[in-house]
Amino acid sequence: MFFADIANAMGTAGQQGQAGPAGALGSFLPLILMFAIFYFLLIRPQQKKAKEHKAMLEGIQKGDRILTAGGLYGRVMAVAGDELTVELGEGMQVKVDRSYVAGLANPVKKAEKKEEKKDK
């Protein structure tokens, strides 16, 4: 009796394959779910961050404190197209391409200044 149960279990294990469109969809479903997870966890946030960085680069003005991709802090003294003249220290000015700006050195203070201007 015990061996008959084992034989039945072994006999049905080989009959797992399905035929037709339901079987094809079932086999691609994990792949589709993995792509959806990658999209929402990796691709979409990167695109959002890239948009924010591009908007920040376009909004750089004279007087902003910036951090370059090389790790240098400075103040923007002049803007000419994609070329920024950045003052690193007293009397030391360098020209930096706009795309090499990593971010604003103090974005919180800049946001606070905008709020103060709106309140006045």
N, C-alpha and C. Protein backbone atom coordinates (compact mmCIF):
# COMPACT_ATOMS: atom_id res chain seq x y z
N MET A 1 0.82 -1.18 0.00
CA MET A 1 0.00 0.00 0.00
C MET A 1 0.87 1.25 0.00
N PHE A 2 1.89 1.27 0.81
CA PHE A 2 2.78 2.41 0.87
C PHE A 2 3.50 2.63 -0.46
N PHE A 3 3.91 1.52 -1.12
CA PHE A 3 4.62 1.64 -2.39
C PHE A 3 3.70 2.09 -3.51
N ALA A 4 2.42 1.79 -3.41
CA ALA A 4 1.47 2.22 -4.43
C ALA A 4 1.30 3.74 -4.40
N ASP A 5 1.31 4.32 -3.20
CA ASP A 5 1.19 5.79 -3.09
C ASP A 5 2.41 6.48 -3.69
N ILE A 6 3.56 5.92 -3.45
CA ILE A 6 4.79 6.50 -4.01
C ILE A 6 4.78 6.39 -5.53
N ALA A 7 4.32 5.26 -6.05
CA ALA A 7 4.26 5.07 -7.49
C ALA A 7 3.29 6.06 -8.13
N ASN A 8 2.16 6.31 -7.50
CA ASN A 8 1.20 7.29 -8.02
C ASN A 8 1.80 8.69 -8.01
N ALA A 9 2.50 9.05 -6.95
CA ALA A 9 3.12 10.37 -6.86
C ALA A 9 4.18 10.54 -7.93
N MET A 10 4.94 9.51 -8.17
CA MET A 10 5.98 9.60 -9.19
C MET A 10 5.39 9.63 -10.60
N GLY A 11 4.29 8.98 -10.78
CA GLY A 11 3.67 8.95 -12.11
C GLY A 11 3.06 10.27 -12.50
N THR A 12 2.53 11.04 -11.57
CA THR A 12 1.91 12.32 -11.90
C THR A 12 2.91 13.46 -11.98
N ALA A 13 4.10 13.27 -11.46
CA ALA A 13 5.09 14.34 -11.48
C ALA A 13 5.56 14.66 -12.88
N GLY A 14 5.60 13.74 -13.76
CA GLY A 14 6.06 13.97 -15.12
C GLY A 14 5.04 14.63 -16.01
N GLN A 15 3.84 14.79 -15.57
CA GLN A 15 2.78 15.36 -16.40
C GLN A 15 2.50 16.81 -16.02
N GLN A 16 3.54 17.60 -15.81
CA GLN A 16 3.40 18.99 -15.40
C GLN A 16 3.19 19.95 -16.56
N GLY A 17 3.65 19.63 -17.74
CA GLY A 17 3.60 20.56 -18.87
C GLY A 17 2.19 20.87 -19.31
N GLN A 18 1.95 22.14 -19.67
CA GLN A 18 0.65 22.55 -20.18
C GLN A 18 0.82 22.94 -21.64
N ALA A 19 -0.22 22.80 -22.37
CA ALA A 19 -0.19 23.18 -23.78
C ALA A 19 -1.12 24.36 -24.00
N GLY A 20 -0.84 25.15 -25.02
CA GLY A 20 -1.73 26.24 -25.36
C GLY A 20 -1.23 27.58 -24.86
N PRO A 21 -2.04 28.63 -25.07
CA PRO A 21 -1.62 29.99 -24.72
C PRO A 21 -1.48 30.20 -23.21
N ALA A 22 -2.25 29.49 -22.40
CA ALA A 22 -2.15 29.67 -20.95
C ALA A 22 -0.78 29.23 -20.46
N GLY A 23 -0.23 28.21 -21.03
CA GLY A 23 1.10 27.74 -20.63
C GLY A 23 2.18 28.72 -21.04
N ALA A 24 2.06 29.34 -22.20
CA ALA A 24 3.04 30.32 -22.66
C ALA A 24 3.01 31.56 -21.78
N LEU A 25 1.83 32.02 -21.43
CA LEU A 25 1.70 33.20 -20.57
C LEU A 25 2.25 32.89 -19.18
N GLY A 26 1.98 31.71 -18.70
CA GLY A 26 2.47 31.32 -17.39
C GLY A 26 3.98 31.25 -17.33
N SER A 27 4.62 30.88 -18.42
CA SER A 27 6.07 30.80 -18.41
C SER A 27 6.73 32.19 -18.55
N PHE A 28 6.05 33.15 -19.15
CA PHE A 28 6.59 34.51 -19.30
C PHE A 28 6.20 35.43 -18.16
N LEU A 29 5.25 35.02 -17.35
CA LEU A 29 4.77 35.86 -16.25
C LEU A 29 5.89 36.25 -15.28
N PRO A 30 6.76 35.34 -14.85
CA PRO A 30 7.85 35.76 -13.96
C PRO A 30 8.78 36.79 -14.60
N LEU A 31 9.03 36.65 -15.88
CA LEU A 31 9.88 37.61 -16.59
C LEU A 31 9.23 38.98 -16.63
N ILE A 32 7.94 39.02 -16.89
CA ILE A 32 7.20 40.29 -16.94
C ILE A 32 7.20 40.95 -15.56
N LEU A 33 6.99 40.15 -14.52
CA LEU A 33 7.00 40.69 -13.16
C LEU A 33 8.37 41.23 -12.78
N MET A 34 9.43 40.55 -13.16
CA MET A 34 10.78 41.03 -12.87
C MET A 34 11.04 42.36 -13.57
N PHE A 35 10.62 42.49 -14.83
CA PHE A 35 10.80 43.75 -15.54
C PHE A 35 10.04 44.88 -14.86
N ALA A 36 8.80 44.60 -14.42
CA ALA A 36 8.00 45.62 -13.74
C ALA A 36 8.67 46.06 -12.44
N ILE A 37 9.22 45.12 -11.70
CA ILE A 37 9.90 45.46 -10.45
C ILE A 37 11.14 46.30 -10.74
N PHE A 38 11.94 45.91 -11.74
CA PHE A 38 13.12 46.70 -12.10
C PHE A 38 12.72 48.10 -12.54
N TYR A 39 11.63 48.22 -13.28
CA TYR A 39 11.20 49.54 -13.76
C TYR A 39 10.86 50.44 -12.59
N PHE A 40 10.05 49.96 -11.67
CA PHE A 40 9.59 50.81 -10.58
C PHE A 40 10.64 51.04 -9.50
N LEU A 41 11.58 50.12 -9.33
CA LEU A 41 12.59 50.29 -8.29
C LEU A 41 13.90 50.89 -8.78
N LEU A 42 14.23 50.74 -10.07
CA LEU A 42 15.51 51.22 -10.56
C LEU A 42 15.40 52.27 -11.65
N ILE A 43 14.69 51.97 -12.71
CA ILE A 43 14.68 52.84 -13.89
C ILE A 43 13.94 54.14 -13.62
N ARG A 44 12.74 54.06 -13.09
CA ARG A 44 11.92 55.25 -12.88
C ARG A 44 12.57 56.25 -11.91
N PRO A 45 13.11 55.81 -10.75
CA PRO A 45 13.77 56.79 -9.88
C PRO A 45 15.00 57.44 -10.51
N GLN A 46 15.75 56.69 -11.33
CA GLN A 46 16.91 57.28 -11.99
C GLN A 46 16.48 58.35 -12.98
N GLN A 47 15.41 58.11 -13.71
CA GLN A 47 14.92 59.11 -14.66
C GLN A 47 14.46 60.36 -13.92
N LYS A 48 13.79 60.18 -12.78
CA LYS A 48 13.32 61.32 -12.01
C LYS A 48 14.50 62.14 -11.49
N LYS A 49 15.53 61.46 -11.00
CA LYS A 49 16.71 62.15 -10.49
C LYS A 49 17.43 62.89 -11.61
N ALA A 50 17.49 62.30 -12.79
CA ALA A 50 18.14 62.95 -13.93
C ALA A 50 17.39 64.21 -14.34
N LYS A 51 16.06 64.17 -14.31
CA LYS A 51 15.25 65.36 -14.63
C LYS A 51 15.51 66.47 -13.63
N GLU A 52 15.56 66.12 -12.34
CA GLU A 52 15.81 67.12 -11.30
C GLU A 52 17.19 67.73 -11.46
N HIS A 53 18.18 66.92 -11.78
CA HIS A 53 19.55 67.43 -11.96
C HIS A 53 19.62 68.36 -13.16
N LYS A 54 18.93 67.99 -14.24
CA LYS A 54 18.92 68.84 -15.44
C LYS A 54 18.26 70.19 -15.14
N ALA A 55 17.16 70.16 -14.38
CA ALA A 55 16.48 71.40 -14.02
C ALA A 55 17.38 72.26 -13.12
N MET A 56 18.11 71.62 -12.22
CA MET A 56 19.04 72.35 -11.35
C MET A 56 20.14 73.00 -12.17
N LEU A 57 20.68 72.27 -13.16
CA LEU A 57 21.74 72.83 -14.01
C LEU A 57 21.24 74.02 -14.81
N GLU A 58 20.01 73.94 -15.30
CA GLU A 58 19.45 75.05 -16.08
C GLU A 58 19.16 76.26 -15.22
N GLY A 59 18.96 76.05 -13.91
CA GLY A 59 18.61 77.14 -13.02
C GLY A 59 19.78 77.81 -12.33
N ILE A 60 21.00 77.43 -12.67
CA ILE A 60 22.18 78.03 -12.03
C ILE A 60 22.29 79.49 -12.47
N GLN A 61 22.48 80.37 -11.48
CA GLN A 61 22.59 81.80 -11.74
C GLN A 61 23.84 82.36 -11.09
N LYS A 62 24.13 83.59 -11.41
CA LYS A 62 25.27 84.29 -10.82
C LYS A 62 25.02 84.41 -9.31
N GLY A 63 26.04 84.09 -8.53
CA GLY A 63 25.94 84.19 -7.08
C GLY A 63 25.64 82.87 -6.39
N ASP A 64 25.25 81.84 -7.11
CA ASP A 64 24.98 80.53 -6.51
C ASP A 64 26.27 79.87 -6.07
N ARG A 65 26.21 79.18 -4.94
CA ARG A 65 27.35 78.37 -4.48
C ARG A 65 27.15 76.97 -5.03
N ILE A 66 28.19 76.43 -5.68
CA ILE A 66 28.06 75.14 -6.34
C ILE A 66 29.16 74.19 -5.88
N LEU A 67 28.95 72.91 -6.16
CA LEU A 67 29.93 71.86 -5.95
C LEU A 67 30.18 71.22 -7.30
N THR A 68 31.43 71.23 -7.74
CA THR A 68 31.74 70.64 -9.04
C THR A 68 31.90 69.12 -8.91
N ALA A 69 31.93 68.44 -10.04
CA ALA A 69 32.11 66.99 -10.04
C ALA A 69 33.49 66.62 -9.52
N GLY A 70 34.43 67.52 -9.57
CA GLY A 70 35.77 67.28 -9.04
C GLY A 70 35.88 67.51 -7.54
N GLY A 71 34.81 67.98 -6.92
CA GLY A 71 34.81 68.19 -5.48
C GLY A 71 35.19 69.58 -5.03
N LEU A 72 35.18 70.54 -5.94
CA LEU A 72 35.54 71.92 -5.59
C LEU A 72 34.29 72.74 -5.32
N TYR A 73 34.32 73.50 -4.24
CA TYR A 73 33.23 74.41 -3.91
C TYR A 73 33.58 75.78 -4.45
N GLY A 74 32.59 76.50 -4.94
CA GLY A 74 32.84 77.84 -5.43
C GLY A 74 31.55 78.61 -5.62
N ARG A 75 31.72 79.88 -5.96
CA ARG A 75 30.57 80.76 -6.22
C ARG A 75 30.60 81.16 -7.68
N VAL A 76 29.44 81.07 -8.33
CA VAL A 76 29.33 81.42 -9.74
C VAL A 76 29.43 82.94 -9.87
N MET A 77 30.38 83.38 -10.68
CA MET A 77 30.59 84.80 -10.89
C MET A 77 30.00 85.28 -12.21
N ALA A 78 29.96 84.39 -13.21
CA ALA A 78 29.41 84.76 -14.52
C ALA A 78 28.89 83.50 -15.21
N VAL A 79 27.86 83.71 -16.01
CA VAL A 79 27.26 82.61 -16.77
C VAL A 79 27.26 83.01 -18.24
N ALA A 80 27.88 82.17 -19.07
CA ALA A 80 27.90 82.43 -20.51
C ALA A 80 27.57 81.12 -21.23
N GLY A 81 26.29 80.90 -21.47
CA GLY A 81 25.86 79.66 -22.12
C GLY A 81 26.11 78.47 -21.22
N ASP A 82 26.92 77.52 -21.68
CA ASP A 82 27.24 76.34 -20.88
C ASP A 82 28.52 76.52 -20.07
N GLU A 83 29.11 77.69 -20.13
CA GLU A 83 30.37 77.94 -19.43
C GLU A 83 30.12 78.84 -18.23
N LEU A 84 30.58 78.38 -17.06
CA LEU A 84 30.42 79.14 -15.83
C LEU A 84 31.79 79.60 -15.36
N THR A 85 31.87 80.84 -14.91
CA THR A 85 33.08 81.32 -14.27
C THR A 85 32.85 81.20 -12.78
N VAL A 86 33.69 80.38 -12.14
CA VAL A 86 33.50 80.06 -10.73
C VAL A 86 34.68 80.60 -9.93
N GLU A 87 34.37 81.30 -8.84
CA GLU A 87 35.41 81.79 -7.96
C GLU A 87 35.61 80.78 -6.84
N LEU A 88 36.83 80.22 -6.76
CA LEU A 88 37.14 79.21 -5.75
C LEU A 88 37.65 79.85 -4.47
N GLY A 89 38.29 80.98 -4.60
CA GLY A 89 38.82 81.73 -3.47
C GLY A 89 39.00 83.16 -3.91
N GLU A 90 39.56 83.98 -3.04
CA GLU A 90 39.75 85.38 -3.42
C GLU A 90 40.72 85.49 -4.59
N GLY A 91 40.25 86.03 -5.67
CA GLY A 91 41.08 86.25 -6.85
C GLY A 91 41.37 85.00 -7.67
N MET A 92 40.81 83.87 -7.32
CA MET A 92 41.05 82.63 -8.08
C MET A 92 39.76 82.22 -8.78
N GLN A 93 39.72 82.46 -10.08
CA GLN A 93 38.53 82.12 -10.86
C GLN A 93 38.89 81.08 -11.90
N VAL A 94 37.99 80.13 -12.09
CA VAL A 94 38.17 79.10 -13.11
C VAL A 94 36.89 79.02 -13.93
N LYS A 95 37.04 78.50 -15.13
CA LYS A 95 35.88 78.30 -15.99
C LYS A 95 35.52 76.82 -15.95
N VAL A 96 34.24 76.55 -15.75
CA VAL A 96 33.74 75.18 -15.61
C VAL A 96 32.56 75.01 -16.55
N ASP A 97 32.51 73.87 -17.21
CA ASP A 97 31.36 73.55 -18.05
C ASP A 97 30.17 73.25 -17.13
N ARG A 98 29.01 73.68 -17.55
CA ARG A 98 27.80 73.52 -16.74
C ARG A 98 27.52 72.05 -16.40
N SER A 99 27.86 71.15 -17.30
CA SER A 99 27.56 69.74 -17.07
C SER A 99 28.44 69.12 -15.98
N TYR A 100 29.52 69.81 -15.57
CA TYR A 100 30.40 69.29 -14.53
C TYR A 100 30.02 69.79 -13.14
N VAL A 101 28.85 70.39 -13.01
CA VAL A 101 28.37 70.81 -11.70
C VAL A 101 27.61 69.65 -11.10
N ALA A 102 28.05 69.21 -9.92
CA ALA A 102 27.40 68.08 -9.25
C ALA A 102 26.13 68.53 -8.52
N GLY A 103 26.15 69.73 -8.00
CA GLY A 103 24.97 70.20 -7.28
C GLY A 103 25.22 71.55 -6.66
N LEU A 104 24.18 72.06 -6.01
CA LEU A 104 24.32 73.31 -5.29
C LEU A 104 24.94 73.02 -3.93
N ALA A 105 25.79 73.91 -3.46
CA ALA A 105 26.50 73.67 -2.21
C ALA A 105 25.57 73.77 -1.01
N ASN A 106 24.58 74.62 -1.09
CA ASN A 106 23.64 74.77 0.03
C ASN A 106 22.23 74.98 -0.51
N PRO A 107 21.59 73.95 -1.04
CA PRO A 107 20.27 74.12 -1.63
C PRO A 107 19.20 74.47 -0.61
N VAL A 108 19.38 74.08 0.65
CA VAL A 108 18.38 74.39 1.67
C VAL A 108 18.34 75.88 1.92
N LYS A 109 19.51 76.50 2.02
CA LYS A 109 19.56 77.94 2.25
C LYS A 109 18.96 78.70 1.08
N LYS A 110 19.17 78.20 -0.15
CA LYS A 110 18.62 78.86 -1.31
C LYS A 110 17.09 78.80 -1.28
N ALA A 111 16.54 77.65 -0.88
CA ALA A 111 15.09 77.51 -0.78
C ALA A 111 14.54 78.44 0.31
N GLU A 112 15.29 78.59 1.42
CA GLU A 112 14.85 79.48 2.48
C GLU A 112 14.85 80.93 2.02
N LYS A 113 15.85 81.31 1.21
CA LYS A 113 15.91 82.68 0.69
C LYS A 113 14.71 82.96 -0.21
N LYS A 114 14.33 81.98 -1.02
CA LYS A 114 13.18 82.17 -1.89
C LYS A 114 11.92 82.37 -1.07
N GLU A 115 11.76 81.60 0.02
CA GLU A 115 10.60 81.74 0.88
C GLU A 115 10.58 83.10 1.56
N GLU A 116 11.76 83.59 1.98
CA GLU A 116 11.83 84.90 2.61
C GLU A 116 11.42 86.01 1.64
N LYS A 117 11.83 85.89 0.38
CA LYS A 117 11.46 86.87 -0.62
C LYS A 117 9.96 86.86 -0.88
N LYS A 118 9.36 85.67 -0.84
CA LYS A 118 7.92 85.57 -1.06
C LYS A 118 7.14 86.18 0.10
N ASP A 119 7.67 86.03 1.32
CA ASP A 119 7.00 86.58 2.50
C ASP A 119 7.03 88.09 2.51
N LYS A 120 8.08 88.69 1.96
CA LYS A 120 8.20 90.16 1.96
C LYS A 120 7.32 90.72 0.94
